[in-house]
Amino acid sequence: MDVLIIGGGVAGLSCALYTRKAGMKTLVLDQQKSQISQVKAVFNYPGVAQPISGDQWLSEARQQVTQLGGEIVTATVTGFTTKDRPYTVQTEDGQSYTAPYLVLAVNLGYELLTKHDFTLSVNEHVPSKKIRYVNETSFDGKTPYEGIYVAGLLANVPSQSVIAAGQGAFVGVQIASDFLQKPFMWHD
């Protein structure tokens, strides 16, 4: 694998689209608990004239990733390494996956990050105050660890799926550009 993405919600799947389109072997590890699945009708996406449910959005985004050759595995991640690159991710079923790039796109699963040196604060953009963000990062998603990024609400963006998708895509483009050693653009 070239990139492991923990979290198959809006930001994680958006990131996966771009890394896979750049030719990177991309694996999304997902618990299938995305917050958008609770949304009955997505009205606020430019270009989506007829509202679709959050579940339908997820289904279509997953299909896009897999049609490009990306892999999506249903798994609960129990840990990951940050000390040595490539990074290793462990799952509840005893599987291990390794890649030089790691994207953390877990939103409510932020407790996974507390096992490492990440400092978390309440994402004030989220009215419920249930979501945290990684203090050591900003919109670019870069963390103090080379090759480890955060995507979605962990990057302290507002709780709007279209913003999380854009930030996830931005992370994917950065990773692809680094991997290819040249700016990556995708305009089909």
N, C-alpha and C. Protein backbone atom coordinates (compact mmCIF):
# COMPACT_ATOMS: atom_id res chain seq x y z
N MET A 1 0.83 -1.19 0.00
CA MET A 1 0.00 0.00 0.00
C MET A 1 0.88 1.25 0.00
N ASP A 2 0.33 2.31 -0.62
CA ASP A 2 1.00 3.60 -0.60
C ASP A 2 0.39 4.53 0.44
N VAL A 3 -0.92 4.41 0.64
CA VAL A 3 -1.59 5.28 1.61
C VAL A 3 -2.68 4.49 2.32
N LEU A 4 -2.72 4.64 3.64
CA LEU A 4 -3.78 4.07 4.48
C LEU A 4 -4.63 5.21 4.98
N ILE A 5 -5.93 5.08 4.86
CA ILE A 5 -6.86 6.10 5.33
C ILE A 5 -7.75 5.45 6.38
N ILE A 6 -7.67 5.96 7.60
CA ILE A 6 -8.52 5.45 8.67
C ILE A 6 -9.75 6.34 8.72
N GLY A 7 -10.88 5.79 8.32
CA GLY A 7 -12.13 6.53 8.30
C GLY A 7 -12.67 6.65 6.89
N GLY A 8 -13.84 6.08 6.66
CA GLY A 8 -14.45 6.08 5.33
C GLY A 8 -15.66 6.97 5.25
N GLY A 9 -15.58 8.13 5.86
CA GLY A 9 -16.66 9.11 5.75
C GLY A 9 -16.35 10.09 4.63
N VAL A 10 -16.92 11.27 4.74
CA VAL A 10 -16.81 12.28 3.68
C VAL A 10 -15.35 12.63 3.38
N ALA A 11 -14.58 13.00 4.39
CA ALA A 11 -13.20 13.43 4.17
C ALA A 11 -12.31 12.28 3.73
N GLY A 12 -12.45 11.14 4.38
CA GLY A 12 -11.62 9.99 4.04
C GLY A 12 -11.83 9.50 2.62
N LEU A 13 -13.09 9.41 2.20
CA LEU A 13 -13.39 8.96 0.84
C LEU A 13 -12.96 9.99 -0.20
N SER A 14 -13.12 11.27 0.12
CA SER A 14 -12.67 12.32 -0.81
C SER A 14 -11.16 12.25 -0.99
N CYS A 15 -10.44 12.06 0.09
CA CYS A 15 -8.99 11.90 0.04
C CYS A 15 -8.63 10.69 -0.82
N ALA A 16 -9.31 9.59 -0.59
CA ALA A 16 -9.03 8.34 -1.32
C ALA A 16 -9.23 8.50 -2.83
N LEU A 17 -10.23 9.26 -3.24
CA LEU A 17 -10.45 9.49 -4.67
C LEU A 17 -9.21 10.08 -5.33
N TYR A 18 -8.62 11.06 -4.67
CA TYR A 18 -7.49 11.76 -5.25
C TYR A 18 -6.20 10.95 -5.18
N THR A 19 -5.96 10.27 -4.09
CA THR A 19 -4.74 9.46 -4.02
C THR A 19 -4.80 8.32 -5.02
N ARG A 20 -5.97 7.70 -5.15
CA ARG A 20 -6.10 6.59 -6.09
C ARG A 20 -5.99 7.08 -7.53
N LYS A 21 -6.61 8.22 -7.84
CA LYS A 21 -6.54 8.76 -9.20
C LYS A 21 -5.09 9.08 -9.57
N ALA A 22 -4.26 9.39 -8.58
CA ALA A 22 -2.83 9.66 -8.82
C ALA A 22 -2.03 8.38 -8.99
N GLY A 23 -2.71 7.24 -8.90
CA GLY A 23 -2.03 5.96 -9.09
C GLY A 23 -1.49 5.33 -7.82
N MET A 24 -1.84 5.91 -6.68
CA MET A 24 -1.36 5.37 -5.41
C MET A 24 -2.23 4.19 -4.98
N LYS A 25 -1.61 3.15 -4.47
CA LYS A 25 -2.36 2.03 -3.89
C LYS A 25 -2.99 2.55 -2.60
N THR A 26 -4.31 2.60 -2.59
CA THR A 26 -5.05 3.26 -1.51
C THR A 26 -5.97 2.28 -0.81
N LEU A 27 -5.87 2.25 0.52
CA LEU A 27 -6.73 1.40 1.34
C LEU A 27 -7.44 2.26 2.37
N VAL A 28 -8.77 2.17 2.40
CA VAL A 28 -9.59 2.85 3.40
C VAL A 28 -10.04 1.81 4.41
N LEU A 29 -9.74 2.06 5.68
CA LEU A 29 -10.22 1.20 6.78
C LEU A 29 -11.38 1.92 7.43
N ASP A 30 -12.54 1.31 7.41
CA ASP A 30 -13.78 2.00 7.78
C ASP A 30 -14.64 1.15 8.70
N GLN A 31 -15.20 1.79 9.72
CA GLN A 31 -16.15 1.12 10.63
C GLN A 31 -17.58 1.26 10.14
N GLN A 32 -17.80 2.00 9.08
CA GLN A 32 -19.12 2.28 8.53
C GLN A 32 -20.01 2.99 9.55
N LYS A 33 -19.44 4.02 10.19
CA LYS A 33 -20.20 4.82 11.15
C LYS A 33 -20.10 6.31 10.83
N SER A 34 -20.11 6.66 9.57
CA SER A 34 -19.97 8.05 9.19
C SER A 34 -21.16 8.87 9.67
N GLN A 35 -20.86 10.10 10.09
CA GLN A 35 -21.92 10.98 10.56
C GLN A 35 -22.90 11.36 9.45
N ILE A 36 -22.45 11.38 8.21
CA ILE A 36 -23.35 11.76 7.12
C ILE A 36 -24.45 10.72 6.92
N SER A 37 -24.25 9.51 7.40
CA SER A 37 -25.28 8.48 7.23
C SER A 37 -26.56 8.83 7.99
N GLN A 38 -26.47 9.75 8.95
CA GLN A 38 -27.65 10.19 9.71
C GLN A 38 -28.47 11.25 8.96
N VAL A 39 -27.91 11.77 7.88
CA VAL A 39 -28.57 12.85 7.13
C VAL A 39 -29.58 12.25 6.16
N LYS A 40 -30.81 12.71 6.27
CA LYS A 40 -31.88 12.18 5.42
C LYS A 40 -31.83 12.73 4.00
N ALA A 41 -31.42 13.99 3.86
CA ALA A 41 -31.36 14.61 2.53
C ALA A 41 -30.23 15.64 2.50
N VAL A 42 -29.27 15.41 1.62
CA VAL A 42 -28.16 16.34 1.44
C VAL A 42 -28.60 17.39 0.43
N PHE A 43 -28.79 18.63 0.91
CA PHE A 43 -29.22 19.74 0.06
C PHE A 43 -28.09 20.70 -0.25
N ASN A 44 -27.04 20.69 0.55
CA ASN A 44 -26.06 21.78 0.52
C ASN A 44 -24.76 21.47 -0.22
N TYR A 45 -24.83 20.64 -1.24
CA TYR A 45 -23.67 20.34 -2.08
C TYR A 45 -23.85 21.04 -3.42
N PRO A 46 -22.97 21.94 -3.81
CA PRO A 46 -23.08 22.52 -5.14
C PRO A 46 -23.04 21.40 -6.19
N GLY A 47 -23.90 21.49 -7.17
CA GLY A 47 -23.93 20.48 -8.23
C GLY A 47 -24.84 19.30 -7.94
N VAL A 48 -25.35 19.20 -6.73
CA VAL A 48 -26.29 18.12 -6.39
C VAL A 48 -27.68 18.77 -6.38
N ALA A 49 -28.33 18.74 -7.55
CA ALA A 49 -29.61 19.43 -7.70
C ALA A 49 -30.74 18.71 -6.99
N GLN A 50 -30.73 17.39 -7.04
CA GLN A 50 -31.75 16.60 -6.36
C GLN A 50 -31.13 16.02 -5.09
N PRO A 51 -31.69 16.35 -3.95
CA PRO A 51 -31.11 15.86 -2.70
C PRO A 51 -31.01 14.33 -2.65
N ILE A 52 -29.94 13.86 -2.06
CA ILE A 52 -29.76 12.43 -1.83
C ILE A 52 -29.53 12.22 -0.34
N SER A 53 -29.76 11.03 0.12
CA SER A 53 -29.54 10.75 1.55
C SER A 53 -28.04 10.63 1.81
N GLY A 54 -27.68 10.77 3.05
CA GLY A 54 -26.28 10.58 3.44
C GLY A 54 -25.79 9.19 3.11
N ASP A 55 -26.64 8.19 3.33
CA ASP A 55 -26.26 6.81 2.99
C ASP A 55 -26.02 6.66 1.49
N GLN A 56 -26.87 7.31 0.70
CA GLN A 56 -26.69 7.23 -0.75
C GLN A 56 -25.39 7.92 -1.15
N TRP A 57 -25.09 9.08 -0.54
CA TRP A 57 -23.83 9.77 -0.83
C TRP A 57 -22.65 8.86 -0.53
N LEU A 58 -22.68 8.21 0.64
CA LEU A 58 -21.59 7.30 1.02
C LEU A 58 -21.47 6.14 0.04
N SER A 59 -22.59 5.57 -0.35
CA SER A 59 -22.57 4.44 -1.28
C SER A 59 -21.94 4.85 -2.61
N GLU A 60 -22.33 6.01 -3.11
CA GLU A 60 -21.79 6.47 -4.39
C GLU A 60 -20.31 6.83 -4.28
N ALA A 61 -19.91 7.44 -3.17
CA ALA A 61 -18.50 7.78 -2.98
C ALA A 61 -17.65 6.52 -2.85
N ARG A 62 -18.14 5.53 -2.12
CA ARG A 62 -17.42 4.25 -2.01
C ARG A 62 -17.27 3.61 -3.39
N GLN A 63 -18.34 3.66 -4.16
CA GLN A 63 -18.31 3.08 -5.50
C GLN A 63 -17.27 3.80 -6.37
N GLN A 64 -17.20 5.12 -6.27
CA GLN A 64 -16.20 5.87 -7.03
C GLN A 64 -14.79 5.41 -6.67
N VAL A 65 -14.52 5.28 -5.39
CA VAL A 65 -13.19 4.86 -4.93
C VAL A 65 -12.85 3.47 -5.46
N THR A 66 -13.78 2.54 -5.33
CA THR A 66 -13.49 1.17 -5.76
C THR A 66 -13.42 1.06 -7.29
N GLN A 67 -14.21 1.86 -8.01
CA GLN A 67 -14.13 1.84 -9.48
C GLN A 67 -12.76 2.31 -9.97
N LEU A 68 -12.12 3.18 -9.20
CA LEU A 68 -10.77 3.63 -9.55
C LEU A 68 -9.71 2.62 -9.13
N GLY A 69 -10.11 1.59 -8.38
CA GLY A 69 -9.15 0.57 -7.95
C GLY A 69 -8.75 0.67 -6.50
N GLY A 70 -9.36 1.60 -5.77
CA GLY A 70 -9.08 1.70 -4.33
C GLY A 70 -9.76 0.57 -3.58
N GLU A 71 -9.24 0.27 -2.41
CA GLU A 71 -9.83 -0.79 -1.58
C GLU A 71 -10.47 -0.17 -0.34
N ILE A 72 -11.59 -0.74 0.06
CA ILE A 72 -12.26 -0.34 1.29
C ILE A 72 -12.49 -1.60 2.10
N VAL A 73 -11.98 -1.61 3.32
CA VAL A 73 -12.11 -2.75 4.21
C VAL A 73 -12.86 -2.31 5.46
N THR A 74 -13.89 -3.06 5.84
CA THR A 74 -14.59 -2.78 7.08
C THR A 74 -13.75 -3.34 8.22
N ALA A 75 -13.29 -2.45 9.09
CA ALA A 75 -12.41 -2.87 10.19
C ALA A 75 -12.41 -1.81 11.27
N THR A 76 -12.15 -2.25 12.50
CA THR A 76 -11.97 -1.34 13.62
C THR A 76 -10.48 -1.23 13.89
N VAL A 77 -9.95 -0.03 13.74
CA VAL A 77 -8.53 0.20 13.97
C VAL A 77 -8.30 0.33 15.47
N THR A 78 -7.32 -0.40 15.97
CA THR A 78 -7.00 -0.36 17.40
C THR A 78 -5.73 0.41 17.70
N GLY A 79 -4.92 0.64 16.69
CA GLY A 79 -3.69 1.39 16.91
C GLY A 79 -2.93 1.62 15.63
N PHE A 80 -1.94 2.51 15.72
CA PHE A 80 -1.07 2.78 14.58
C PHE A 80 0.26 3.31 15.13
N THR A 81 1.29 3.18 14.31
CA THR A 81 2.61 3.66 14.72
C THR A 81 2.83 5.07 14.19
N THR A 82 3.67 5.83 14.89
CA THR A 82 4.03 7.17 14.44
C THR A 82 5.55 7.36 14.41
N LYS A 83 6.28 6.43 14.94
CA LYS A 83 7.73 6.61 15.11
C LYS A 83 8.51 6.34 13.84
N ASP A 84 8.22 5.28 13.15
CA ASP A 84 8.99 4.91 11.97
C ASP A 84 8.11 4.84 10.74
N ARG A 85 8.63 5.38 9.65
CA ARG A 85 7.93 5.35 8.38
C ARG A 85 8.53 4.25 7.54
N PRO A 86 7.79 3.36 6.91
CA PRO A 86 6.34 3.39 6.76
C PRO A 86 5.62 3.09 8.08
N TYR A 87 4.39 3.55 8.14
CA TYR A 87 3.57 3.42 9.34
C TYR A 87 2.74 2.14 9.28
N THR A 88 2.49 1.58 10.44
CA THR A 88 1.70 0.35 10.53
C THR A 88 0.41 0.63 11.29
N VAL A 89 -0.69 0.10 10.78
CA VAL A 89 -2.00 0.22 11.41
C VAL A 89 -2.44 -1.18 11.80
N GLN A 90 -2.93 -1.32 13.04
CA GLN A 90 -3.44 -2.61 13.53
C GLN A 90 -4.96 -2.53 13.67
N THR A 91 -5.62 -3.65 13.37
CA THR A 91 -7.07 -3.71 13.49
C THR A 91 -7.48 -4.73 14.54
N GLU A 92 -8.73 -4.62 14.97
CA GLU A 92 -9.29 -5.47 16.01
C GLU A 92 -9.22 -6.96 15.66
N ASP A 93 -9.28 -7.27 14.37
CA ASP A 93 -9.25 -8.67 13.96
C ASP A 93 -7.82 -9.21 13.77
N GLY A 94 -6.82 -8.44 14.22
CA GLY A 94 -5.44 -8.91 14.19
C GLY A 94 -4.69 -8.61 12.90
N GLN A 95 -5.31 -7.93 11.97
CA GLN A 95 -4.63 -7.58 10.72
C GLN A 95 -3.71 -6.37 10.93
N SER A 96 -2.66 -6.30 10.13
CA SER A 96 -1.76 -5.15 10.11
C SER A 96 -1.61 -4.69 8.67
N TYR A 97 -1.56 -3.38 8.50
CA TYR A 97 -1.38 -2.78 7.19
C TYR A 97 -0.27 -1.74 7.31
N THR A 98 0.55 -1.62 6.27
CA THR A 98 1.69 -0.71 6.32
C THR A 98 1.71 0.16 5.06
N ALA A 99 2.05 1.45 5.25
CA ALA A 99 2.17 2.38 4.13
C ALA A 99 2.99 3.60 4.57
N PRO A 100 3.61 4.29 3.61
CA PRO A 100 4.38 5.49 3.95
C PRO A 100 3.52 6.72 4.22
N TYR A 101 2.25 6.68 3.85
CA TYR A 101 1.33 7.79 4.13
C TYR A 101 0.16 7.26 4.94
N LEU A 102 -0.24 8.03 5.93
CA LEU A 102 -1.35 7.66 6.81
C LEU A 102 -2.25 8.87 6.97
N VAL A 103 -3.55 8.67 6.75
CA VAL A 103 -4.53 9.74 6.92
C VAL A 103 -5.50 9.33 8.02
N LEU A 104 -5.66 10.21 8.99
CA LEU A 104 -6.58 9.98 10.11
C LEU A 104 -7.83 10.83 9.85
N ALA A 105 -8.94 10.17 9.55
CA ALA A 105 -10.19 10.87 9.20
C ALA A 105 -11.32 10.27 10.02
N VAL A 106 -11.20 10.33 11.34
CA VAL A 106 -12.09 9.57 12.21
C VAL A 106 -13.16 10.36 12.95
N ASN A 107 -13.11 11.67 12.98
CA ASN A 107 -14.09 12.51 13.67
C ASN A 107 -14.43 12.04 15.08
N LEU A 108 -15.51 11.29 15.25
CA LEU A 108 -15.89 10.83 16.59
C LEU A 108 -14.93 9.80 17.17
N GLY A 109 -14.11 9.20 16.34
CA GLY A 109 -13.14 8.21 16.80
C GLY A 109 -11.81 8.81 17.20
N TYR A 110 -11.84 10.08 17.60
CA TYR A 110 -10.60 10.80 17.93
C TYR A 110 -9.83 10.18 19.09
N GLU A 111 -10.48 9.35 19.91
CA GLU A 111 -9.79 8.72 21.04
C GLU A 111 -8.60 7.90 20.58
N LEU A 112 -8.65 7.40 19.36
CA LEU A 112 -7.54 6.66 18.78
C LEU A 112 -6.26 7.50 18.77
N LEU A 113 -6.40 8.81 18.62
CA LEU A 113 -5.25 9.70 18.55
C LEU A 113 -4.65 9.99 19.92
N THR A 114 -5.43 9.79 20.98
CA THR A 114 -4.94 10.11 22.32
C THR A 114 -3.85 9.16 22.79
N LYS A 115 -3.70 8.02 22.10
CA LYS A 115 -2.65 7.07 22.45
C LYS A 115 -1.28 7.56 21.97
N HIS A 116 -1.27 8.64 21.22
CA HIS A 116 -0.04 9.18 20.65
C HIS A 116 0.18 10.59 21.18
N ASP A 117 1.13 11.30 20.62
CA ASP A 117 1.48 12.62 21.12
C ASP A 117 0.63 13.74 20.53
N PHE A 118 -0.54 13.43 20.02
CA PHE A 118 -1.41 14.47 19.49
C PHE A 118 -2.12 15.17 20.64
N THR A 119 -2.17 16.50 20.59
CA THR A 119 -2.97 17.24 21.57
C THR A 119 -4.27 17.63 20.88
N LEU A 120 -5.36 17.35 21.56
CA LEU A 120 -6.68 17.58 20.98
C LEU A 120 -7.42 18.66 21.75
N SER A 121 -8.22 19.43 21.03
CA SER A 121 -9.09 20.44 21.62
C SER A 121 -10.47 20.30 21.02
N VAL A 122 -11.46 20.87 21.69
CA VAL A 122 -12.83 20.84 21.19
C VAL A 122 -12.91 21.66 19.91
N ASN A 123 -13.50 21.08 18.87
CA ASN A 123 -13.74 21.80 17.63
C ASN A 123 -14.95 22.70 17.86
N GLU A 124 -14.69 23.99 18.04
CA GLU A 124 -15.74 24.96 18.36
C GLU A 124 -16.70 25.19 17.18
N HIS A 125 -16.34 24.70 16.01
CA HIS A 125 -17.22 24.82 14.84
C HIS A 125 -18.38 23.82 14.90
N VAL A 126 -18.32 22.89 15.84
CA VAL A 126 -19.33 21.84 15.97
C VAL A 126 -20.18 22.15 17.21
N PRO A 127 -21.46 22.52 17.02
CA PRO A 127 -22.30 22.93 18.15
C PRO A 127 -22.37 21.93 19.30
N SER A 128 -22.34 20.64 19.01
CA SER A 128 -22.46 19.63 20.07
C SER A 128 -21.22 19.54 20.95
N LYS A 129 -20.10 20.06 20.47
CA LYS A 129 -18.81 20.00 21.18
C LYS A 129 -18.30 18.57 21.33
N LYS A 130 -18.85 17.63 20.54
CA LYS A 130 -18.44 16.22 20.62
C LYS A 130 -17.17 15.92 19.82
N ILE A 131 -16.81 16.82 18.92
CA ILE A 131 -15.69 16.56 18.01
C ILE A 131 -14.45 17.31 18.49
N ARG A 132 -13.31 16.67 18.32
CA ARG A 132 -12.03 17.29 18.68
C ARG A 132 -11.25 17.58 17.39
N TYR A 133 -10.25 18.43 17.53
CA TYR A 133 -9.32 18.65 16.42
C TYR A 133 -7.91 18.52 16.94
N VAL A 134 -6.99 18.28 16.03
CA VAL A 134 -5.58 18.12 16.38
C VAL A 134 -4.94 19.51 16.41
N ASN A 135 -4.44 19.90 17.57
CA ASN A 135 -3.87 21.24 17.73
C ASN A 135 -2.70 21.51 16.79
N GLU A 136 -1.92 20.52 16.50
CA GLU A 136 -0.70 20.68 15.73
C GLU A 136 -0.94 20.76 14.23
N THR A 137 -2.16 21.02 13.80
CA THR A 137 -2.44 21.03 12.36
C THR A 137 -3.38 22.18 12.03
N SER A 138 -3.58 22.38 10.73
CA SER A 138 -4.54 23.36 10.24
C SER A 138 -5.22 22.77 9.01
N PHE A 139 -5.78 23.61 8.16
CA PHE A 139 -6.55 23.11 7.01
C PHE A 139 -5.75 22.15 6.15
N ASP A 140 -4.43 22.32 6.09
CA ASP A 140 -3.62 21.44 5.24
C ASP A 140 -3.54 20.02 5.76
N GLY A 141 -3.94 19.79 7.01
CA GLY A 141 -3.99 18.44 7.57
C GLY A 141 -2.65 17.86 7.97
N LYS A 142 -1.56 18.58 7.72
CA LYS A 142 -0.24 18.05 8.07
C LYS A 142 -0.08 18.00 9.58
N THR A 143 0.54 16.92 10.05
CA THR A 143 0.83 16.77 11.47
C THR A 143 2.34 16.88 11.66
N PRO A 144 2.82 16.86 12.90
CA PRO A 144 4.27 16.89 13.11
C PRO A 144 5.00 15.65 12.57
N TYR A 145 4.26 14.62 12.22
CA TYR A 145 4.86 13.39 11.70
C TYR A 145 4.83 13.43 10.17
N GLU A 146 5.99 13.33 9.55
CA GLU A 146 6.06 13.36 8.09
C GLU A 146 5.25 12.20 7.50
N GLY A 147 4.32 12.54 6.62
CA GLY A 147 3.51 11.52 5.97
C GLY A 147 2.23 11.16 6.70
N ILE A 148 2.00 11.75 7.89
CA ILE A 148 0.74 11.53 8.60
C ILE A 148 -0.09 12.81 8.53
N TYR A 149 -1.32 12.67 8.08
CA TYR A 149 -2.23 13.80 7.91
C TYR A 149 -3.53 13.53 8.66
N VAL A 150 -4.25 14.61 8.97
CA VAL A 150 -5.62 14.47 9.46
C VAL A 150 -6.55 15.06 8.40
N ALA A 151 -7.76 14.51 8.32
CA ALA A 151 -8.73 14.99 7.34
C ALA A 151 -10.09 15.15 8.01
N GLY A 152 -10.85 16.11 7.53
CA GLY A 152 -12.19 16.34 8.06
C GLY A 152 -12.17 17.21 9.30
N LEU A 153 -13.08 16.94 10.21
CA LEU A 153 -13.24 17.80 11.38
C LEU A 153 -12.03 17.78 12.30
N LEU A 154 -11.18 16.77 12.19
CA LEU A 154 -9.94 16.74 12.98
C LEU A 154 -9.01 17.88 12.60
N ALA A 155 -9.24 18.51 11.43
CA ALA A 155 -8.43 19.64 10.99
C ALA A 155 -9.06 20.98 11.39
N ASN A 156 -10.04 20.93 12.29
CA ASN A 156 -10.69 22.12 12.84
C ASN A 156 -11.48 22.90 11.78
N VAL A 157 -12.15 22.17 10.89
CA VAL A 157 -13.01 22.83 9.92
C VAL A 157 -14.46 22.75 10.41
N PRO A 158 -15.34 23.62 9.89
CA PRO A 158 -16.74 23.57 10.29
C PRO A 158 -17.40 22.24 9.92
N SER A 159 -18.45 21.92 10.66
CA SER A 159 -19.17 20.66 10.46
C SER A 159 -20.15 20.79 9.30
N GLN A 160 -19.60 20.89 8.10
CA GLN A 160 -20.36 20.90 6.86
C GLN A 160 -19.71 19.88 5.96
N SER A 161 -20.49 18.94 5.47
CA SER A 161 -19.90 17.84 4.71
C SER A 161 -19.14 18.31 3.48
N VAL A 162 -19.63 19.35 2.82
CA VAL A 162 -18.95 19.83 1.62
C VAL A 162 -17.57 20.40 1.98
N ILE A 163 -17.43 21.00 3.15
CA ILE A 163 -16.13 21.51 3.59
C ILE A 163 -15.20 20.35 3.94
N ALA A 164 -15.73 19.35 4.64
CA ALA A 164 -14.92 18.18 4.99
C ALA A 164 -14.46 17.46 3.72
N ALA A 165 -15.34 17.39 2.72
CA ALA A 165 -14.97 16.75 1.45
C ALA A 165 -13.84 17.52 0.77
N GLY A 166 -13.96 18.84 0.75
CA GLY A 166 -12.92 19.66 0.14
C GLY A 166 -11.60 19.56 0.86
N GLN A 167 -11.65 19.55 2.19
CA GLN A 167 -10.41 19.44 2.96
C GLN A 167 -9.79 18.06 2.76
N GLY A 168 -10.61 17.01 2.70
CA GLY A 168 -10.10 15.67 2.44
C GLY A 168 -9.47 15.57 1.06
N ALA A 169 -10.09 16.19 0.07
CA ALA A 169 -9.53 16.21 -1.28
C ALA A 169 -8.20 16.96 -1.29
N PHE A 170 -8.12 18.07 -0.55
CA PHE A 170 -6.88 18.85 -0.45
C PHE A 170 -5.76 18.00 0.13
N VAL A 171 -6.06 17.24 1.17
CA VAL A 171 -5.07 16.34 1.75
C VAL A 171 -4.64 15.30 0.71
N GLY A 172 -5.60 14.74 -0.02
CA GLY A 172 -5.27 13.77 -1.05
C GLY A 172 -4.36 14.33 -2.13
N VAL A 173 -4.61 15.57 -2.54
CA VAL A 173 -3.77 16.22 -3.56
C VAL A 173 -2.36 16.45 -3.02
N GLN A 174 -2.26 16.88 -1.76
CA GLN A 174 -0.92 17.08 -1.17
C GLN A 174 -0.12 15.78 -1.13
N ILE A 175 -0.78 14.71 -0.70
CA ILE A 175 -0.11 13.41 -0.62
C ILE A 175 0.30 12.96 -2.02
N ALA A 176 -0.60 13.07 -2.98
CA ALA A 176 -0.30 12.66 -4.36
C ALA A 176 0.86 13.47 -4.92
N SER A 177 0.87 14.77 -4.67
CA SER A 177 1.96 15.63 -5.16
C SER A 177 3.29 15.23 -4.55
N ASP A 178 3.29 14.92 -3.26
CA ASP A 178 4.52 14.49 -2.59
C ASP A 178 4.98 13.14 -3.16
N PHE A 179 4.05 12.23 -3.31
CA PHE A 179 4.35 10.89 -3.82
C PHE A 179 4.91 10.95 -5.24
N LEU A 180 4.31 11.77 -6.10
CA LEU A 180 4.72 11.88 -7.50
C LEU A 180 5.90 12.82 -7.70
N GLN A 181 6.22 13.60 -6.66
CA GLN A 181 7.30 14.59 -6.72
C GLN A 181 7.03 15.67 -7.78
N LYS A 182 5.74 15.99 -7.97
CA LYS A 182 5.34 17.07 -8.85
C LYS A 182 3.89 17.41 -8.50
N PRO A 183 3.45 18.63 -8.81
CA PRO A 183 2.06 18.99 -8.49
C PRO A 183 1.07 18.06 -9.18
N PHE A 184 0.11 17.57 -8.41
CA PHE A 184 -0.92 16.69 -8.96
C PHE A 184 -2.18 17.49 -9.22
N MET A 185 -2.71 17.33 -10.43
CA MET A 185 -3.98 17.96 -10.80
C MET A 185 -4.86 16.90 -11.44
N TRP A 186 -6.14 16.96 -11.15
CA TRP A 186 -7.09 16.02 -11.74
C TRP A 186 -8.26 16.81 -12.29
N HIS A 187 -8.32 16.93 -13.60
CA HIS A 187 -9.44 17.57 -14.28
C HIS A 187 -9.82 16.67 -15.45
N ASP A 188 -10.79 15.80 -15.27
CA ASP A 188 -11.23 14.93 -16.38
C ASP A 188 -12.28 15.65 -17.20
